Each structure stands twice: as structure tokens, then as C-alpha cells.
Amino acid sequence: MHRTVTMWNELRQVWDGLLNFLMAGECVPFAFDMPPVEQVIDEVRRDPDARILPGTKGDMLDLTDISETFRRLSVEQAVASPFQMSHFKLPNFYAPGKLFHGFEERVMAPWRRALEGAGFTWTRCYPILFISGPGCATNYHMDRSHVIAWQRHGVKRFCGLKDPDRWAPLEERMKPGGTVKRPPGIADGDALVYEMRPGDVLWNTLLTPHWVEATDELAYSLNLSHGGLRLNGRLCRHEQELEDWKQTHPNG
């Protein structure tokens, strides 16, 4: 069930399915050199828009804010400590001399051009940074977006499910992402796991259950998040279900 898509014609056929897949070749039209990981962590954690959580492995997301404690650590202590840090406003670091200066021109612009050239449109498309300390995880959840996960440092295990609808029926998929809990009974054989190393790129399908684990070393990825993604005017199945749900459940 593992798959690597290298051509846009193939991607157009599988983008609205239920299973995650790797991307390579012409489907990865971007590149960007990152500074040392210590610099990434230190600069990002000092920004007030950084979200810093415990990263403890479990059955659901732990949204406890540990940012104040984490910012007081030395860089050496921070790199070795358990944490999960994310940042959803990377343009905060786009200025000259900042971490992601040139990211718009080298990553986002060529990616949007390639999407558009393949017949896609979207209502949002923006980058996110995810960093996990040694042995930490982003626990079981579902994203209301298509996510391109680009591994940049260390190794992460990106764990989806071979039969997502079995474990997440419609009513479960419609819950806000932070409230879902891993159902009992999921065995190792139910998971579709990609071990992602630096440079690997994965398409994570909208509203499918997944969790992401770091190994015994720190790891981070740059993710491109998409909403309202349409191919020739058509939403994928799960996003169309979400839009229909919003129409019939205006209060949530």
C-alpha cells in the first residue's frame, strides 16, 4: 500500500483518495537550505506565535502550554528535552537575516505555480513548521486540510491507517481536530507507516486519522497546508462532506 508519486498526471488521479503517499520527481518543485537545528529551535521558540506543547505520546493531543518553561531552557537543554513545537505564521521569519528569508520565492511560489499548472485551485495554502523533541509525538488527530509534509531534519514515523473510514466514520471526522481520541483496537497491522528521512515529502490526505512520532533524536518538518483544494473545480470527497456538514450543522 506504500506509494510514491513522481508525475503530476498520477497525482491528479490519487490526490482525493484516502491513503497517504510519498511525492518525488516533478511533484516536488521546490528546495530550501535550512540553518542548523539549534538556530531553528532558538529563533522559533522566541517568537510569540510559537505553540509549544509537551509532546508526550498518548491517545490524543495534549494541548498543555509549556512555552514559558521551554523558553527559559538553554539551547542545549531545549534540544535534548521533550517538546512539540509548531508555528503557523512562518512569514514572521521571512525578513532578510531571518530563518526563512527566501522561502516564499524558493518554495511557496514554485509550489503554487505547479499546483495551478496541474489544474488545482485553493482558498488557502501556507507553510507550517513542526518540531518534535527526542521520543516525542503529535498524537492521533485529523487535519481539516491537505498537508504536504517535507521532512527536513531527523527521522519521523508518519502513521496513517490502511482503512481510515473504519476507524473514523463521518461523525468522528466532523469533530474539531483536537477533540478526537485514538479508538481502542488499532493494531500495528492497521497502520500505514512511512519512515521519513530528511528530504522525504509526503501527501497527508485531508480528514484522515494519523499520528507522527520522532525517534530518539530531535526531528522537524516543514508542512504546506491547503484548504478548499479543488481539481477542475471539484473538492475531494472528505472536504465536500465537510462543506455539506457545515451547511446542515451551522452551529458546529
C-alpha atoms as a PDB file:
ATOM      1  CA  MET A   1       0.000   0.000   0.000  1.00  0.00           C
ATOM      2  CA  HIS A   2       3.053   2.248   0.115  1.00  0.00           C
ATOM      3  CA  ARG A   3       3.206   4.504  -2.895  1.00  0.00           C
ATOM      4  CA  THR A   4       5.476   7.159  -4.356  1.00  0.00           C
ATOM      5  CA  VAL A   5       4.016   9.565  -6.916  1.00  0.00           C
ATOM      6  CA  THR A   6       6.500  11.234  -9.252  1.00  0.00           C
ATOM      7  CA  MET A   7       4.309  12.670 -12.050  1.00  0.00           C
ATOM      8  CA  TRP A   8       1.515  15.238 -11.885  1.00  0.00           C
ATOM      9  CA  ASN A   9      -0.745  13.057 -14.032  1.00  0.00           C
ATOM     10  CA  GLU A  10      -0.553  10.350 -11.375  1.00  0.00           C
ATOM     11  CA  LEU A  11      -1.023  12.830  -8.539  1.00  0.00           C
ATOM     12  CA  ARG A  12      -4.231  14.087 -10.142  1.00  0.00           C
ATOM     13  CA  GLN A  13      -5.562  10.534 -10.006  1.00  0.00           C
ATOM     14  CA  VAL A  14      -4.800   9.851  -6.328  1.00  0.00           C
ATOM     15  CA  TRP A  15      -4.976  13.233  -4.551  1.00  0.00           C
ATOM     16  CA  ASP A  16      -8.583  12.755  -3.390  1.00  0.00           C
ATOM     17  CA  GLY A  17      -8.190   9.185  -2.158  1.00  0.00           C
ATOM     18  CA  LEU A  18      -7.981   8.010   1.466  1.00  0.00           C
ATOM     19  CA  LEU A  19      -4.351   6.897   1.711  1.00  0.00           C
ATOM     20  CA  ASN A  20      -1.196   8.918   2.204  1.00  0.00           C
ATOM     21  CA  PHE A  21       1.625   8.678  -0.319  1.00  0.00           C
ATOM     22  CA  LEU A  22       5.155   9.932  -0.896  1.00  0.00           C
ATOM     23  CA  MET A  23       5.997  12.502  -3.563  1.00  0.00           C
ATOM     24  CA  ALA A  24       9.137  12.896  -5.653  1.00  0.00           C
ATOM     25  CA  GLY A  25      10.310  13.974  -9.101  1.00  0.00           C
ATOM     26  CA  GLU A  26       8.330  16.729 -10.772  1.00  0.00           C
ATOM     27  CA  CYS A  27       5.817  16.691  -7.890  1.00  0.00           C
ATOM     28  CA  VAL A  28       8.438  18.321  -5.635  1.00  0.00           C
ATOM     29  CA  PRO A  29       9.342  21.544  -7.485  1.00  0.00           C
ATOM     30  CA  PHE A  30      10.985  23.287  -4.521  1.00  0.00           C
ATOM     31  CA  ALA A  31      14.175  23.345  -2.452  1.00  0.00           C
ATOM     32  CA  PHE A  32      15.417  25.333   0.532  1.00  0.00           C
ATOM     33  CA  ASP A  33      18.556  25.146   2.677  1.00  0.00           C
ATOM     34  CA  MET A  34      17.871  25.242   6.405  1.00  0.00           C
ATOM     35  CA  PRO A  35      20.189  26.687   9.082  1.00  0.00           C
ATOM     36  CA  PRO A  36      21.417  24.495  11.994  1.00  0.00           C
ATOM     37  CA  VAL A  37      18.632  22.925  14.024  1.00  0.00           C
ATOM     38  CA  GLU A  38      19.735  24.700  17.221  1.00  0.00           C
ATOM     39  CA  GLN A  39      19.231  28.039  15.488  1.00  0.00           C
ATOM     40  CA  VAL A  40      15.814  26.980  14.208  1.00  0.00           C
ATOM     41  CA  ILE A  41      14.601  25.997  17.669  1.00  0.00           C
ATOM     42  CA  ASP A  42      16.009  29.038  19.418  1.00  0.00           C
ATOM     43  CA  GLU A  43      14.645  31.575  16.954  1.00  0.00           C
ATOM     44  CA  VAL A  44      11.219  29.974  16.628  1.00  0.00           C
ATOM     45  CA  ARG A  45      10.655  29.495  20.370  1.00  0.00           C
ATOM     46  CA  ARG A  46      11.318  33.201  20.998  1.00  0.00           C
ATOM     47  CA  ASP A  47       8.526  34.244  18.650  1.00  0.00           C
ATOM     48  CA  PRO A  48       5.220  34.877  20.484  1.00  0.00           C
ATOM     49  CA  ASP A  49       3.240  32.963  17.835  1.00  0.00           C
ATOM     50  CA  ALA A  50       5.074  29.690  18.550  1.00  0.00           C
ATOM     51  CA  ARG A  51       2.933  26.926  20.064  1.00  0.00           C
ATOM     52  CA  ILE A  52       4.912  24.700  22.444  1.00  0.00           C
ATOM     53  CA  LEU A  53       3.339  21.551  23.917  1.00  0.00           C
ATOM     54  CA  PRO A  54       4.651  18.597  25.979  1.00  0.00           C
ATOM     55  CA  GLY A  55       4.840  16.147  23.061  1.00  0.00           C
ATOM     56  CA  THR A  56       4.028  13.220  25.358  1.00  0.00           C
ATOM     57  CA  LYS A  57       2.884  10.116  23.485  1.00  0.00           C
ATOM     58  CA  GLY A  58      -0.750   9.205  24.102  1.00  0.00           C
ATOM     59  CA  ASP A  59      -4.162   8.576  22.541  1.00  0.00           C
ATOM     60  CA  MET A  60      -4.956  12.220  21.772  1.00  0.00           C
ATOM     61  CA  LEU A  61      -3.374  15.645  21.509  1.00  0.00           C
ATOM     62  CA  ASP A  62      -2.078  17.173  24.741  1.00  0.00           C
ATOM     63  CA  LEU A  63      -2.626  20.921  24.324  1.00  0.00           C
ATOM     64  CA  THR A  64      -0.938  21.958  27.594  1.00  0.00           C
ATOM     65  CA  ASP A  65       1.092  25.137  27.028  1.00  0.00           C
ATOM     66  CA  ILE A  66       4.712  24.720  28.190  1.00  0.00           C
ATOM     67  CA  SER A  67       6.095  27.709  26.285  1.00  0.00           C
ATOM     68  CA  GLU A  68       7.267  29.736  29.289  1.00  0.00           C
ATOM     69  CA  THR A  69       9.219  26.835  30.766  1.00  0.00           C
ATOM     70  CA  PHE A  70      10.697  25.848  27.409  1.00  0.00           C
ATOM     71  CA  ARG A  71      11.878  29.384  26.646  1.00  0.00           C
ATOM     72  CA  ARG A  72      13.816  29.522  29.907  1.00  0.00           C
ATOM     73  CA  LEU A  73      15.944  26.492  28.964  1.00  0.00           C
ATOM     74  CA  SER A  74      19.358  26.901  27.418  1.00  0.00           C
ATOM     75  CA  VAL A  75      19.557  25.921  23.755  1.00  0.00           C
ATOM     76  CA  GLU A  76      21.424  22.739  24.715  1.00  0.00           C
ATOM     77  CA  GLN A  77      18.736  21.812  27.242  1.00  0.00           C
ATOM     78  CA  ALA A  78      15.922  22.661  24.820  1.00  0.00           C
ATOM     79  CA  VAL A  79      17.290  20.463  22.033  1.00  0.00           C
ATOM     80  CA  ALA A  80      17.512  17.459  24.379  1.00  0.00           C
ATOM     81  CA  SER A  81      14.181  17.979  26.141  1.00  0.00           C
ATOM     82  CA  PRO A  82      10.713  16.536  25.380  1.00  0.00           C
ATOM     83  CA  PHE A  83       8.513  19.016  23.499  1.00  0.00           C
ATOM     84  CA  GLN A  84       6.397  19.529  20.398  1.00  0.00           C
ATOM     85  CA  MET A  85       6.643  22.985  18.828  1.00  0.00           C
ATOM     86  CA  SER A  86       4.693  24.336  15.879  1.00  0.00           C
ATOM     87  CA  HIS A  87       4.480  27.672  14.128  1.00  0.00           C
ATOM     88  CA  PHE A  88       1.674  28.606  11.742  1.00  0.00           C
ATOM     89  CA  LYS A  89       2.914  32.067  10.728  1.00  0.00           C
ATOM     90  CA  LEU A  90       6.254  31.482   9.052  1.00  0.00           C
ATOM     91  CA  PRO A  91       6.171  34.893   7.292  1.00  0.00           C
ATOM     92  CA  ASN A  92       7.241  36.164  10.739  1.00  0.00           C
ATOM     93  CA  PHE A  93      10.675  34.845   9.676  1.00  0.00           C
ATOM     94  CA  TYR A  94      10.730  35.980   6.036  1.00  0.00           C
ATOM     95  CA  ALA A  95      12.705  39.207   6.517  1.00  0.00           C
ATOM     96  CA  PRO A  96      16.382  39.404   5.474  1.00  0.00           C
ATOM     97  CA  GLY A  97      18.577  37.696   8.065  1.00  0.00           C
ATOM     98  CA  LYS A  98      15.660  35.636   9.422  1.00  0.00           C
ATOM     99  CA  LEU A  99      15.299  31.829   9.281  1.00  0.00           C
ATOM    100  CA  PHE A 100      13.045  31.639   6.246  1.00  0.00           C
ATOM    101  CA  HIS A 101      14.238  34.533   4.139  1.00  0.00           C
ATOM    102  CA  GLY A 102      13.628  33.469   0.518  1.00  0.00           C
ATOM    103  CA  PHE A 103      11.143  30.726   1.434  1.00  0.00           C
ATOM    104  CA  GLU A 104       8.302  32.370  -0.459  1.00  0.00           C
ATOM    105  CA  GLU A 105      10.342  32.600  -3.668  1.00  0.00           C
ATOM    106  CA  ARG A 106      12.020  29.171  -3.454  1.00  0.00           C
ATOM    107  CA  VAL A 107       9.213  27.035  -2.042  1.00  0.00           C
ATOM    108  CA  MET A 108       5.764  28.582  -1.951  1.00  0.00           C
ATOM    109  CA  ALA A 109       5.810  30.333  -5.327  1.00  0.00           C
ATOM    110  CA  PRO A 110       7.031  27.309  -7.356  1.00  0.00           C
ATOM    111  CA  TRP A 111       4.656  25.019  -5.481  1.00  0.00           C
ATOM    112  CA  ARG A 112       1.641  27.234  -6.186  1.00  0.00           C
ATOM    113  CA  ARG A 113       2.656  27.546  -9.854  1.00  0.00           C
ATOM    114  CA  ALA A 114       2.931  23.767 -10.148  1.00  0.00           C
ATOM    115  CA  LEU A 115      -0.462  23.239  -8.485  1.00  0.00           C
ATOM    116  CA  GLU A 116      -2.083  25.776 -10.761  1.00  0.00           C
ATOM    117  CA  GLY A 117      -0.440  24.256 -13.830  1.00  0.00           C
ATOM    118  CA  ALA A 118      -1.872  20.856 -12.878  1.00  0.00           C
ATOM    119  CA  GLY A 119      -5.421  22.241 -12.719  1.00  0.00           C
ATOM    120  CA  PHE A 120      -5.734  22.865  -8.983  1.00  0.00           C
ATOM    121  CA  THR A 121      -7.195  25.878  -7.205  1.00  0.00           C
ATOM    122  CA  TRP A 122      -7.355  26.569  -3.463  1.00  0.00           C
ATOM    123  CA  THR A 123      -8.641  29.003  -0.854  1.00  0.00           C
ATOM    124  CA  ARG A 124      -5.582  28.775   1.411  1.00  0.00           C
ATOM    125  CA  CYS A 125      -2.047  27.491   1.027  1.00  0.00           C
ATOM    126  CA  TYR A 126       0.567  28.306   3.638  1.00  0.00           C
ATOM    127  CA  PRO A 127       3.590  26.738   5.412  1.00  0.00           C
ATOM    128  CA  ILE A 128       3.808  25.387   8.965  1.00  0.00           C
ATOM    129  CA  LEU A 129       6.814  24.263  10.993  1.00  0.00           C
ATOM    130  CA  PHE A 130       6.601  21.196  13.263  1.00  0.00           C
ATOM    131  CA  ILE A 131       9.474  20.241  15.590  1.00  0.00           C
ATOM    132  CA  SER A 132       9.445  17.209  17.911  1.00  0.00           C
ATOM    133  CA  GLY A 133      11.921  16.549  20.685  1.00  0.00           C
ATOM    134  CA  PRO A 134      13.514  13.115  21.177  1.00  0.00           C
ATOM    135  CA  GLY A 135      10.901  10.403  21.647  1.00  0.00           C
ATOM    136  CA  CYS A 136       8.009  12.850  21.309  1.00  0.00           C
ATOM    137  CA  ALA A 137       4.899  12.721  19.156  1.00  0.00           C
ATOM    138  CA  THR A 138       1.998  14.587  17.657  1.00  0.00           C
ATOM    139  CA  ASN A 139      -0.708  12.199  18.768  1.00  0.00           C
ATOM    140  CA  TYR A 140      -3.757  10.838  16.961  1.00  0.00           C
ATOM    141  CA  HIS A 141      -5.705  13.571  15.143  1.00  0.00           C
ATOM    142  CA  MET A 142      -7.207  14.607  11.817  1.00  0.00           C
ATOM    143  CA  ASP A 143      -6.414  17.745   9.821  1.00  0.00           C
ATOM    144  CA  ARG A 144      -9.038  19.801   8.008  1.00  0.00           C
ATOM    145  CA  SER A 145      -6.505  20.332   5.253  1.00  0.00           C
ATOM    146  CA  HIS A 146      -4.374  18.524   2.729  1.00  0.00           C
ATOM    147  CA  VAL A 147      -0.835  18.628   4.117  1.00  0.00           C
ATOM    148  CA  ILE A 148       2.434  18.234   2.252  1.00  0.00           C
ATOM    149  CA  ALA A 149       4.903  17.089   4.932  1.00  0.00           C
ATOM    150  CA  TRP A 150       8.521  17.840   3.959  1.00  0.00           C
ATOM    151  CA  GLN A 151      10.988  16.213   6.352  1.00  0.00           C
ATOM    152  CA  ARG A 152      13.977  18.497   6.993  1.00  0.00           C
ATOM    153  CA  HIS A 153      15.897  17.088   9.980  1.00  0.00           C
ATOM    154  CA  GLY A 154      15.973  13.757  11.793  1.00  0.00           C
ATOM    155  CA  VAL A 155      13.556  10.888  11.256  1.00  0.00           C
ATOM    156  CA  LYS A 156       9.807  10.825  11.825  1.00  0.00           C
ATOM    157  CA  ARG A 157       7.347   7.951  11.589  1.00  0.00           C
ATOM    158  CA  PHE A 158       4.258   9.285   9.803  1.00  0.00           C
ATOM    159  CA  CYS A 159       1.490   6.849  10.738  1.00  0.00           C
ATOM    160  CA  GLY A 160      -1.817   6.744   8.888  1.00  0.00           C
ATOM    161  CA  LEU A 161      -4.338   3.917   8.588  1.00  0.00           C
ATOM    162  CA  LYS A 162      -4.911   1.423   5.785  1.00  0.00           C
ATOM    163  CA  ASP A 163      -8.704   1.713   6.203  1.00  0.00           C
ATOM    164  CA  PRO A 164      -9.329   5.244   7.580  1.00  0.00           C
ATOM    165  CA  ASP A 165     -13.119   5.142   7.298  1.00  0.00           C
ATOM    166  CA  ARG A 166     -13.276   2.048   9.508  1.00  0.00           C
ATOM    167  CA  TRP A 167     -11.786   3.991  12.415  1.00  0.00           C
ATOM    168  CA  ALA A 168     -13.148   7.463  11.651  1.00  0.00           C
ATOM    169  CA  PRO A 169     -16.751   7.468  10.361  1.00  0.00           C
ATOM    170  CA  LEU A 170     -18.384  10.704   9.225  1.00  0.00           C
ATOM    171  CA  GLU A 171     -19.493  11.916  12.671  1.00  0.00           C
ATOM    172  CA  GLU A 172     -15.978  11.413  14.047  1.00  0.00           C
ATOM    173  CA  ARG A 173     -14.353  13.206  11.116  1.00  0.00           C
ATOM    174  CA  MET A 174     -16.560  16.249  11.658  1.00  0.00           C
ATOM    175  CA  LYS A 175     -15.303  16.828  15.224  1.00  0.00           C
ATOM    176  CA  PRO A 176     -12.759  19.613  15.785  1.00  0.00           C
ATOM    177  CA  GLY A 177      -9.270  18.146  15.295  1.00  0.00           C
ATOM    178  CA  GLY A 178      -8.090  18.478  18.881  1.00  0.00           C
ATOM    179  CA  THR A 179     -11.001  16.543  20.371  1.00  0.00           C
ATOM    180  CA  VAL A 180     -10.638  13.175  18.660  1.00  0.00           C
ATOM    181  CA  LYS A 181      -9.164  10.246  20.577  1.00  0.00           C
ATOM    182  CA  ARG A 182      -7.435   7.200  19.200  1.00  0.00           C
ATOM    183  CA  PRO A 183     -10.018   4.401  19.224  1.00  0.00           C
ATOM    184  CA  PRO A 184      -9.115   1.168  21.014  1.00  0.00           C
ATOM    185  CA  GLY A 185      -8.243  -1.808  18.882  1.00  0.00           C
ATOM    186  CA  ILE A 186      -5.884  -0.253  16.332  1.00  0.00           C
ATOM    187  CA  ALA A 187      -3.108  -2.820  15.837  1.00  0.00           C
ATOM    188  CA  ASP A 188       0.269  -2.463  14.154  1.00  0.00           C
ATOM    189  CA  GLY A 189      -1.131  -4.177  11.076  1.00  0.00           C
ATOM    190  CA  ASP A 190      -3.807  -1.481  10.691  1.00  0.00           C
ATOM    191  CA  ALA A 191      -1.260   1.317  10.297  1.00  0.00           C
ATOM    192  CA  LEU A 192       0.227   2.609   7.065  1.00  0.00           C
ATOM    193  CA  VAL A 193       3.611   3.888   8.237  1.00  0.00           C
ATOM    194  CA  TYR A 194       6.148   5.931   6.303  1.00  0.00           C
ATOM    195  CA  GLU A 195       9.551   6.369   7.934  1.00  0.00           C
ATOM    196  CA  MET A 196      10.502   9.827   6.746  1.00  0.00           C
ATOM    197  CA  ARG A 197      14.108  10.927   6.449  1.00  0.00           C
ATOM    198  CA  PRO A 198      15.474  14.370   5.512  1.00  0.00           C
ATOM    199  CA  GLY A 199      14.225  15.328   2.062  1.00  0.00           C
ATOM    200  CA  ASP A 200      11.237  12.965   2.016  1.00  0.00           C
ATOM    201  CA  VAL A 201       7.902  14.532   1.057  1.00  0.00           C
ATOM    202  CA  LEU A 202       4.509  13.033   1.951  1.00  0.00           C
ATOM    203  CA  TRP A 203       0.940  13.904   0.956  1.00  0.00           C
ATOM    204  CA  ASN A 204      -1.304  13.559   4.022  1.00  0.00           C
ATOM    205  CA  THR A 205      -4.934  13.281   2.991  1.00  0.00           C
ATOM    206  CA  LEU A 206      -7.496  15.677   4.466  1.00  0.00           C
ATOM    207  CA  LEU A 207      -9.568  14.369   7.387  1.00  0.00           C
ATOM    208  CA  THR A 208      -7.846  11.012   7.715  1.00  0.00           C
ATOM    209  CA  PRO A 209      -6.556   9.857  11.138  1.00  0.00           C
ATOM    210  CA  HIS A 210      -2.814   9.950  11.697  1.00  0.00           C
ATOM    211  CA  TRP A 211      -0.095  10.474  14.281  1.00  0.00           C
ATOM    212  CA  VAL A 212       3.564  11.413  13.906  1.00  0.00           C
ATOM    213  CA  GLU A 213       6.401  10.146  16.090  1.00  0.00           C
ATOM    214  CA  ALA A 214      10.006  11.266  16.378  1.00  0.00           C
ATOM    215  CA  THR A 215      12.685   8.664  17.035  1.00  0.00           C
ATOM    216  CA  ASP A 216      15.192   9.030  19.864  1.00  0.00           C
ATOM    217  CA  GLU A 217      16.531  12.150  18.144  1.00  0.00           C
ATOM    218  CA  LEU A 218      15.010  15.553  17.518  1.00  0.00           C
ATOM    219  CA  ALA A 219      13.185  15.893  14.182  1.00  0.00           C
ATOM    220  CA  TYR A 220      11.344  18.575  12.281  1.00  0.00           C
ATOM    221  CA  SER A 221       9.379  19.075   9.093  1.00  0.00           C
ATOM    222  CA  LEU A 222       8.056  21.955   7.031  1.00  0.00           C
ATOM    223  CA  ASN A 223       4.448  21.333   6.056  1.00  0.00           C
ATOM    224  CA  LEU A 224       2.381  23.023   3.356  1.00  0.00           C
ATOM    225  CA  SER A 225      -1.276  23.216   4.364  1.00  0.00           C
ATOM    226  CA  HIS A 226      -4.145  23.565   1.868  1.00  0.00           C
ATOM    227  CA  GLY A 227      -7.833  24.317   2.239  1.00  0.00           C
ATOM    228  CA  GLY A 228     -10.535  24.443  -0.406  1.00  0.00           C
ATOM    229  CA  LEU A 229      -8.273  22.470  -2.742  1.00  0.00           C
ATOM    230  CA  ARG A 230     -10.107  21.674  -5.971  1.00  0.00           C
ATOM    231  CA  LEU A 231      -9.125  19.876  -9.139  1.00  0.00           C
ATOM    232  CA  ASN A 232     -11.006  21.264 -12.116  1.00  0.00           C
ATOM    233  CA  GLY A 233     -13.497  22.813  -9.672  1.00  0.00           C
ATOM    234  CA  ARG A 234     -14.143  19.670  -7.610  1.00  0.00           C
ATOM    235  CA  LEU A 235     -13.350  19.178  -3.922  1.00  0.00           C
ATOM    236  CA  CYS A 236     -12.103  15.824  -2.669  1.00  0.00           C
ATOM    237  CA  ARG A 237     -14.696  13.544  -1.092  1.00  0.00           C
ATOM    238  CA  HIS A 238     -13.884  14.351   2.535  1.00  0.00           C
ATOM    239  CA  GLU A 239     -13.787  18.116   2.055  1.00  0.00           C
ATOM    240  CA  GLN A 240     -17.097  18.025   0.203  1.00  0.00           C
ATOM    241  CA  GLU A 241     -18.538  16.101   3.160  1.00  0.00           C
ATOM    242  CA  LEU A 242     -17.168  18.789   5.470  1.00  0.00           C
ATOM    243  CA  GLU A 243     -18.775  21.570   3.425  1.00  0.00           C
ATOM    244  CA  ASP A 244     -22.089  19.702   3.368  1.00  0.00           C
ATOM    245  CA  TRP A 245     -21.863  19.184   7.159  1.00  0.00           C
ATOM    246  CA  LYS A 246     -21.320  22.896   7.737  1.00  0.00           C
ATOM    247  CA  GLN A 247     -24.446  23.673   5.745  1.00  0.00           C
ATOM    248  CA  THR A 248     -26.618  21.317   7.805  1.00  0.00           C
ATOM    249  CA  HIS A 249     -24.880  21.999  11.174  1.00  0.00           C
ATOM    250  CA  PRO A 250     -24.279  25.772  11.211  1.00  0.00           C
ATOM    251  CA  ASN A 251     -23.597  25.779  14.959  1.00  0.00           C
ATOM    252  CA  GLY A 252     -20.792  23.210  14.828  1.00  0.00           C
END
